[in-house]
Amino acid sequence: MIDINHQNKEYGKVALKKFLEFFNYKYPKGKLYTSVEIDNELVINLYKNQGFKKKEYFEYTMGKITYKEFRMIKEEW
């Protein structure tokens, strides 16, 4: 997550790319999963642009809030 005061400066994109480089170096044949809220198109597109694909939809409740998310996976490097 990027602080609201520092969004739209491509920090998230750079951080994700650096993490993916590290992950691929450490686990070259590994699969990587993440999740994102279903209405967060900006982040969904960020993940898609880095090779993630939507895998499944799921919901969970914490307290009185129900969250709706997509699980996404990156299998190809």
C-alpha atoms as a PDB file:
ATOM      1  CA  MET A   1       0.000   0.000   0.000  1.00  0.00           C
ATOM      2  CA  ILE A   2       1.161   3.485  -0.829  1.00  0.00           C
ATOM      3  CA  ASP A   3       0.264   6.374   1.478  1.00  0.00           C
ATOM      4  CA  ILE A   4      -2.461   8.597   0.022  1.00  0.00           C
ATOM      5  CA  ASN A   5      -0.022  11.550  -0.039  1.00  0.00           C
ATOM      6  CA  HIS A   6       2.328   9.639  -2.335  1.00  0.00           C
ATOM      7  CA  GLN A   7      -0.077   7.965  -4.743  1.00  0.00           C
ATOM      8  CA  ASN A   8      -0.015   8.567  -8.504  1.00  0.00           C
ATOM      9  CA  LYS A   9       3.778   8.948  -8.476  1.00  0.00           C
ATOM     10  CA  GLU A  10       4.407   5.388  -9.762  1.00  0.00           C
ATOM     11  CA  TYR A  11       5.954   4.267  -6.456  1.00  0.00           C
ATOM     12  CA  GLY A  12       3.645   1.241  -6.367  1.00  0.00           C
ATOM     13  CA  LYS A  13       4.599   0.255  -9.901  1.00  0.00           C
ATOM     14  CA  VAL A  14       8.321   0.525  -9.150  1.00  0.00           C
ATOM     15  CA  ALA A  15       7.968  -1.327  -5.837  1.00  0.00           C
ATOM     16  CA  LEU A  16       6.002  -4.146  -7.492  1.00  0.00           C
ATOM     17  CA  LYS A  17       8.575  -4.519 -10.272  1.00  0.00           C
ATOM     18  CA  LYS A  18      11.436  -4.675  -7.746  1.00  0.00           C
ATOM     19  CA  PHE A  19       9.581  -7.245  -5.657  1.00  0.00           C
ATOM     20  CA  LEU A  20       8.846  -9.366  -8.738  1.00  0.00           C
ATOM     21  CA  GLU A  21      12.525  -9.275  -9.711  1.00  0.00           C
ATOM     22  CA  PHE A  22      13.469 -10.453  -6.209  1.00  0.00           C
ATOM     23  CA  PHE A  23      10.784 -13.151  -6.146  1.00  0.00           C
ATOM     24  CA  ASN A  24      11.771 -14.456  -9.583  1.00  0.00           C
ATOM     25  CA  TYR A  25      15.440 -14.579  -8.544  1.00  0.00           C
ATOM     26  CA  LYS A  26      14.634 -16.416  -5.310  1.00  0.00           C
ATOM     27  CA  TYR A  27      11.885 -18.698  -6.691  1.00  0.00           C
ATOM     28  CA  PRO A  28      12.314 -18.858 -10.483  1.00  0.00           C
ATOM     29  CA  LYS A  29       9.554 -21.416 -10.995  1.00  0.00           C
ATOM     30  CA  GLY A  30       7.292 -20.246  -8.199  1.00  0.00           C
ATOM     31  CA  LYS A  31       3.721 -19.090  -8.450  1.00  0.00           C
ATOM     32  CA  LEU A  32       2.818 -15.810  -6.813  1.00  0.00           C
ATOM     33  CA  TYR A  33      -0.647 -15.020  -5.482  1.00  0.00           C
ATOM     34  CA  THR A  34      -2.130 -11.708  -4.404  1.00  0.00           C
ATOM     35  CA  SER A  35      -5.591 -10.306  -3.877  1.00  0.00           C
ATOM     36  CA  VAL A  36      -7.273  -7.012  -4.654  1.00  0.00           C
ATOM     37  CA  GLU A  37     -10.681  -5.519  -3.928  1.00  0.00           C
ATOM     38  CA  ILE A  38     -13.004  -6.066  -6.884  1.00  0.00           C
ATOM     39  CA  ASP A  39     -13.639  -2.352  -7.420  1.00  0.00           C
ATOM     40  CA  ASN A  40      -9.959  -1.327  -7.402  1.00  0.00           C
ATOM     41  CA  GLU A  41      -9.455  -1.194 -11.167  1.00  0.00           C
ATOM     42  CA  LEU A  42      -6.219   0.775 -10.854  1.00  0.00           C
ATOM     43  CA  VAL A  43      -4.496  -1.982  -8.889  1.00  0.00           C
ATOM     44  CA  ILE A  44      -6.124  -4.767 -10.905  1.00  0.00           C
ATOM     45  CA  ASN A  45      -4.624  -3.209 -14.034  1.00  0.00           C
ATOM     46  CA  LEU A  46      -1.261  -2.736 -12.313  1.00  0.00           C
ATOM     47  CA  TYR A  47      -1.153  -6.461 -11.522  1.00  0.00           C
ATOM     48  CA  LYS A  48      -2.413  -7.436 -14.992  1.00  0.00           C
ATOM     49  CA  ASN A  49       0.323  -5.324 -16.598  1.00  0.00           C
ATOM     50  CA  GLN A  50       2.876  -7.333 -14.623  1.00  0.00           C
ATOM     51  CA  GLY A  51       1.497 -10.681 -15.771  1.00  0.00           C
ATOM     52  CA  PHE A  52      -1.050 -11.521 -13.072  1.00  0.00           C
ATOM     53  CA  LYS A  53      -4.366 -13.109 -14.046  1.00  0.00           C
ATOM     54  CA  LYS A  54      -7.634 -13.148 -12.137  1.00  0.00           C
ATOM     55  CA  LYS A  55      -8.049 -16.553 -10.536  1.00  0.00           C
ATOM     56  CA  GLU A  56     -11.175 -16.427  -8.386  1.00  0.00           C
ATOM     57  CA  TYR A  57     -13.554 -14.205  -6.467  1.00  0.00           C
ATOM     58  CA  PHE A  58     -13.956 -14.485  -2.705  1.00  0.00           C
ATOM     59  CA  GLU A  59     -15.537 -12.665   0.229  1.00  0.00           C
ATOM     60  CA  TYR A  60     -14.701 -12.445   3.901  1.00  0.00           C
ATOM     61  CA  THR A  61     -16.045 -10.481   6.837  1.00  0.00           C
ATOM     62  CA  MET A  62     -14.056  -8.719   9.526  1.00  0.00           C
ATOM     63  CA  GLY A  63     -16.138  -7.128  12.226  1.00  0.00           C
ATOM     64  CA  LYS A  64     -19.134  -5.668  10.439  1.00  0.00           C
ATOM     65  CA  ILE A  65     -17.407  -5.144   7.080  1.00  0.00           C
ATOM     66  CA  THR A  66     -17.593  -7.630   4.213  1.00  0.00           C
ATOM     67  CA  TYR A  67     -14.701  -7.457   1.755  1.00  0.00           C
ATOM     68  CA  LYS A  68     -15.011  -8.651  -1.843  1.00  0.00           C
ATOM     69  CA  GLU A  69     -11.792  -9.484  -3.630  1.00  0.00           C
ATOM     70  CA  PHE A  70     -10.228 -11.200  -6.584  1.00  0.00           C
ATOM     71  CA  ARG A  71      -7.343 -13.595  -6.032  1.00  0.00           C
ATOM     72  CA  MET A  72      -4.773 -13.103  -8.765  1.00  0.00           C
ATOM     73  CA  ILE A  73      -1.852 -15.302  -9.782  1.00  0.00           C
ATOM     74  CA  LYS A  74       1.409 -14.868 -11.650  1.00  0.00           C
ATOM     75  CA  GLU A  75       2.684 -18.177 -13.018  1.00  0.00           C
ATOM     76  CA  GLU A  76       4.843 -17.181 -15.963  1.00  0.00           C
ATOM     77  CA  TRP A  77       8.079 -15.258 -15.754  1.00  0.00           C
END
